[in-house]
Amino acid sequence: MSTKPPPSIEDFAPETLEKIAYSAAAAVEAREPNDRNRLGYNVWIWLKERKGTLEEAIRAAGARTTLDDKQVLDIVKKGLAERGVKV
C-alpha cells in the first residue's frame, strides 16, 4: 500500500494579520514550538478583535517560556512595531 505525500503548505502573505502575529511571536523563546504557536494565535485574535489588552492575550496563551510576561510583552510589542502595528 502506498501513501500520498502530504499537501504543500502555503505561507500567509507578509502583510496579513496572521503573518504579523506569528512573526512577532516567533522571536519569543519557548520550550516547544506549540507554545510559540499558541502565543501567535492569541496575538492574532487580539489584533483581529482588539478586545482586552495585549498583555491579557499573552497571559491567556499560557506559553511556557523562561521569560516573564513583561519580557514577552516587550518582545511581541517590538515585533509588532517593526511591522507597522500600533499597540
N, C-alpha and C. Protein backbone atom coordinates (compact mmCIF):
# COMPACT_ATOMS: atom_id res chain seq x y z
N MET A 1 0.84 -1.16 0.00
CA MET A 1 0.00 0.00 0.00
C MET A 1 0.89 1.24 0.00
N SER A 2 0.63 2.16 -0.89
CA SER A 2 1.43 3.38 -0.93
C SER A 2 0.64 4.54 -0.33
N THR A 3 1.37 5.50 0.14
CA THR A 3 0.72 6.67 0.71
C THR A 3 1.05 7.89 -0.14
N LYS A 4 0.18 8.83 -0.10
CA LYS A 4 0.40 10.06 -0.85
C LYS A 4 1.23 11.02 0.00
N PRO A 5 2.01 11.86 -0.66
CA PRO A 5 2.76 12.85 0.12
C PRO A 5 1.80 13.88 0.72
N PRO A 6 2.19 14.50 1.83
CA PRO A 6 1.30 15.49 2.43
C PRO A 6 1.15 16.71 1.52
N PRO A 7 0.07 17.41 1.65
CA PRO A 7 -0.12 18.60 0.81
C PRO A 7 0.92 19.67 1.16
N SER A 8 1.25 20.49 0.20
CA SER A 8 2.22 21.54 0.47
C SER A 8 1.58 22.62 1.34
N ILE A 9 2.42 23.32 2.05
CA ILE A 9 1.94 24.37 2.94
C ILE A 9 2.20 25.71 2.28
N GLU A 10 1.17 26.52 2.23
CA GLU A 10 1.30 27.84 1.64
C GLU A 10 1.35 28.87 2.77
N ASP A 11 2.42 29.67 2.80
CA ASP A 11 2.55 30.69 3.83
C ASP A 11 1.59 31.84 3.58
N PHE A 12 1.25 32.53 4.67
CA PHE A 12 0.44 33.74 4.54
C PHE A 12 1.26 34.83 3.88
N ALA A 13 0.60 35.74 3.22
CA ALA A 13 1.29 36.90 2.65
C ALA A 13 1.84 37.75 3.79
N PRO A 14 2.98 38.42 3.59
CA PRO A 14 3.62 39.17 4.68
C PRO A 14 2.77 40.26 5.32
N GLU A 15 1.79 40.79 4.60
CA GLU A 15 1.01 41.89 5.15
C GLU A 15 -0.26 41.44 5.88
N THR A 16 -0.52 40.14 5.95
CA THR A 16 -1.73 39.66 6.63
C THR A 16 -1.54 39.69 8.14
N LEU A 17 -2.65 39.80 8.86
CA LEU A 17 -2.59 39.81 10.33
C LEU A 17 -2.00 38.52 10.88
N GLU A 18 -2.30 37.42 10.22
CA GLU A 18 -1.77 36.13 10.69
C GLU A 18 -0.25 36.12 10.66
N LYS A 19 0.32 36.55 9.55
CA LYS A 19 1.78 36.56 9.40
C LYS A 19 2.41 37.53 10.38
N ILE A 20 1.79 38.70 10.57
CA ILE A 20 2.31 39.69 11.50
C ILE A 20 2.33 39.13 12.93
N ALA A 21 1.23 38.52 13.34
CA ALA A 21 1.12 37.99 14.70
C ALA A 21 2.10 36.85 14.94
N TYR A 22 2.14 35.89 14.04
CA TYR A 22 3.02 34.75 14.23
C TYR A 22 4.49 35.13 14.11
N SER A 23 4.81 36.13 13.30
CA SER A 23 6.19 36.61 13.19
C SER A 23 6.62 37.31 14.47
N ALA A 24 5.72 38.08 15.07
CA ALA A 24 6.03 38.75 16.33
C ALA A 24 6.25 37.72 17.44
N ALA A 25 5.47 36.66 17.43
CA ALA A 25 5.60 35.62 18.46
C ALA A 25 6.82 34.74 18.22
N ALA A 26 7.31 34.68 17.00
CA ALA A 26 8.44 33.81 16.67
C ALA A 26 9.72 34.22 17.39
N ALA A 27 9.81 35.47 17.79
CA ALA A 27 11.01 35.96 18.46
C ALA A 27 11.08 35.52 19.93
N VAL A 28 9.99 35.04 20.48
CA VAL A 28 9.94 34.61 21.88
C VAL A 28 10.48 33.19 21.96
N GLU A 29 11.42 32.99 22.87
CA GLU A 29 11.94 31.63 23.01
C GLU A 29 11.00 30.84 23.92
N ALA A 30 10.56 29.70 23.42
CA ALA A 30 9.58 28.88 24.13
C ALA A 30 10.12 27.46 24.27
N ARG A 31 9.54 26.72 25.19
CA ARG A 31 10.00 25.34 25.42
C ARG A 31 9.70 24.44 24.25
N GLU A 32 8.53 24.64 23.63
CA GLU A 32 8.12 23.82 22.48
C GLU A 32 7.53 24.73 21.41
N PRO A 33 7.60 24.32 20.14
CA PRO A 33 7.01 25.13 19.07
C PRO A 33 5.52 25.39 19.28
N ASN A 34 4.81 24.46 19.88
CA ASN A 34 3.37 24.65 20.12
C ASN A 34 3.11 25.83 21.05
N ASP A 35 4.01 26.07 22.00
CA ASP A 35 3.86 27.22 22.89
C ASP A 35 3.93 28.51 22.09
N ARG A 36 4.85 28.56 21.16
CA ARG A 36 5.01 29.74 20.31
C ARG A 36 3.80 29.89 19.37
N ASN A 37 3.30 28.78 18.88
CA ASN A 37 2.10 28.82 18.02
C ASN A 37 0.89 29.33 18.78
N ARG A 38 0.74 28.87 20.03
CA ARG A 38 -0.38 29.32 20.87
C ARG A 38 -0.27 30.82 21.13
N LEU A 39 0.95 31.29 21.37
CA LEU A 39 1.17 32.71 21.58
C LEU A 39 0.83 33.50 20.32
N GLY A 40 1.27 33.01 19.18
CA GLY A 40 0.96 33.67 17.90
C GLY A 40 -0.53 33.71 17.64
N TYR A 41 -1.22 32.63 17.96
CA TYR A 41 -2.68 32.59 17.77
C TYR A 41 -3.37 33.63 18.64
N ASN A 42 -2.96 33.72 19.90
CA ASN A 42 -3.60 34.68 20.80
C ASN A 42 -3.29 36.12 20.41
N VAL A 43 -2.10 36.38 19.90
CA VAL A 43 -1.77 37.71 19.41
C VAL A 43 -2.62 38.02 18.17
N TRP A 44 -2.80 37.04 17.29
CA TRP A 44 -3.63 37.23 16.10
C TRP A 44 -5.08 37.55 16.47
N ILE A 45 -5.63 36.81 17.43
CA ILE A 45 -7.00 37.07 17.88
C ILE A 45 -7.09 38.49 18.44
N TRP A 46 -6.08 38.90 19.22
CA TRP A 46 -6.08 40.25 19.78
C TRP A 46 -6.02 41.30 18.67
N LEU A 47 -5.18 41.08 17.67
CA LEU A 47 -5.08 42.02 16.55
C LEU A 47 -6.40 42.12 15.79
N LYS A 48 -7.06 40.98 15.65
CA LYS A 48 -8.29 40.93 14.87
C LYS A 48 -9.46 41.59 15.60
N GLU A 49 -9.59 41.35 16.90
CA GLU A 49 -10.75 41.80 17.65
C GLU A 49 -10.48 43.00 18.55
N ARG A 50 -9.22 43.19 18.96
CA ARG A 50 -8.82 44.27 19.86
C ARG A 50 -9.66 44.31 21.13
N LYS A 51 -9.95 43.12 21.66
CA LYS A 51 -10.68 43.02 22.93
C LYS A 51 -9.65 42.80 24.03
N GLY A 52 -9.75 43.57 25.09
CA GLY A 52 -8.79 43.44 26.18
C GLY A 52 -7.47 44.09 25.80
N THR A 53 -6.43 43.67 26.51
CA THR A 53 -5.10 44.22 26.25
C THR A 53 -4.21 43.14 25.65
N LEU A 54 -3.11 43.58 25.08
CA LEU A 54 -2.14 42.64 24.54
C LEU A 54 -1.56 41.79 25.67
N GLU A 55 -1.36 42.40 26.82
CA GLU A 55 -0.83 41.66 27.96
C GLU A 55 -1.77 40.53 28.38
N GLU A 56 -3.08 40.79 28.34
CA GLU A 56 -4.06 39.75 28.66
C GLU A 56 -4.02 38.62 27.64
N ALA A 57 -3.83 38.96 26.37
CA ALA A 57 -3.74 37.95 25.32
C ALA A 57 -2.51 37.07 25.51
N ILE A 58 -1.40 37.69 25.90
CA ILE A 58 -0.17 36.93 26.14
C ILE A 58 -0.34 36.01 27.33
N ARG A 59 -0.95 36.52 28.39
CA ARG A 59 -1.17 35.69 29.58
C ARG A 59 -2.13 34.54 29.26
N ALA A 60 -3.15 34.80 28.43
CA ALA A 60 -4.13 33.76 28.07
C ALA A 60 -3.50 32.65 27.24
N ALA A 61 -2.44 32.98 26.50
CA ALA A 61 -1.78 31.97 25.67
C ALA A 61 -1.15 30.88 26.52
N GLY A 62 -0.66 31.24 27.69
CA GLY A 62 -0.05 30.26 28.58
C GLY A 62 1.19 29.63 27.99
N ALA A 63 1.93 30.38 27.19
CA ALA A 63 3.14 29.85 26.56
C ALA A 63 4.20 29.59 27.63
N ARG A 64 4.75 28.40 27.61
CA ARG A 64 5.80 28.06 28.57
C ARG A 64 7.12 28.58 28.04
N THR A 65 7.70 29.51 28.77
CA THR A 65 8.95 30.13 28.37
C THR A 65 9.75 30.46 29.62
N THR A 66 11.04 30.72 29.43
CA THR A 66 11.89 31.08 30.56
C THR A 66 11.77 32.56 30.88
N LEU A 67 11.09 33.31 30.04
CA LEU A 67 10.92 34.75 30.23
C LEU A 67 9.66 35.04 31.04
N ASP A 68 9.65 36.18 31.73
CA ASP A 68 8.42 36.55 32.42
C ASP A 68 7.48 37.28 31.44
N ASP A 69 6.25 37.50 31.87
CA ASP A 69 5.23 38.09 30.99
C ASP A 69 5.65 39.46 30.47
N LYS A 70 6.32 40.25 31.29
CA LYS A 70 6.74 41.60 30.87
C LYS A 70 7.75 41.51 29.72
N GLN A 71 8.70 40.58 29.81
CA GLN A 71 9.69 40.41 28.75
C GLN A 71 9.03 39.93 27.46
N VAL A 72 8.11 39.00 27.57
CA VAL A 72 7.39 38.50 26.40
C VAL A 72 6.59 39.64 25.77
N LEU A 73 5.93 40.44 26.61
CA LEU A 73 5.16 41.58 26.11
C LEU A 73 6.06 42.55 25.34
N ASP A 74 7.24 42.85 25.89
CA ASP A 74 8.18 43.76 25.22
C ASP A 74 8.63 43.21 23.87
N ILE A 75 8.91 41.92 23.81
CA ILE A 75 9.36 41.30 22.56
C ILE A 75 8.26 41.34 21.51
N VAL A 76 7.04 41.00 21.92
CA VAL A 76 5.92 40.99 20.98
C VAL A 76 5.60 42.41 20.52
N LYS A 77 5.61 43.39 21.44
CA LYS A 77 5.37 44.78 21.06
C LYS A 77 6.40 45.26 20.04
N LYS A 78 7.66 44.91 20.29
CA LYS A 78 8.72 45.31 19.37
C LYS A 78 8.50 44.67 17.99
N GLY A 79 8.13 43.39 17.98
CA GLY A 79 7.88 42.70 16.72
C GLY A 79 6.71 43.30 15.96
N LEU A 80 5.68 43.70 16.68
CA LEU A 80 4.52 44.32 16.03
C LEU A 80 4.88 45.71 15.51
N ALA A 81 5.66 46.46 16.29
CA ALA A 81 6.05 47.80 15.87
C ALA A 81 6.91 47.76 14.61
N GLU A 82 7.78 46.76 14.51
CA GLU A 82 8.62 46.60 13.32
C GLU A 82 7.78 46.36 12.07
N ARG A 83 6.60 45.82 12.26
CA ARG A 83 5.71 45.53 11.13
C ARG A 83 4.63 46.59 10.95
N GLY A 84 4.79 47.70 11.68
CA GLY A 84 3.89 48.84 11.49
C GLY A 84 2.57 48.78 12.23
N VAL A 85 2.48 47.94 13.25
CA VAL A 85 1.24 47.84 14.03
C VAL A 85 1.39 48.67 15.30
N LYS A 86 0.46 49.57 15.53
CA LYS A 86 0.47 50.37 16.76
C LYS A 86 -0.19 49.59 17.86
N VAL A 87 0.46 49.57 19.00
CA VAL A 87 -0.06 48.83 20.15
C VAL A 87 -0.51 49.80 21.22
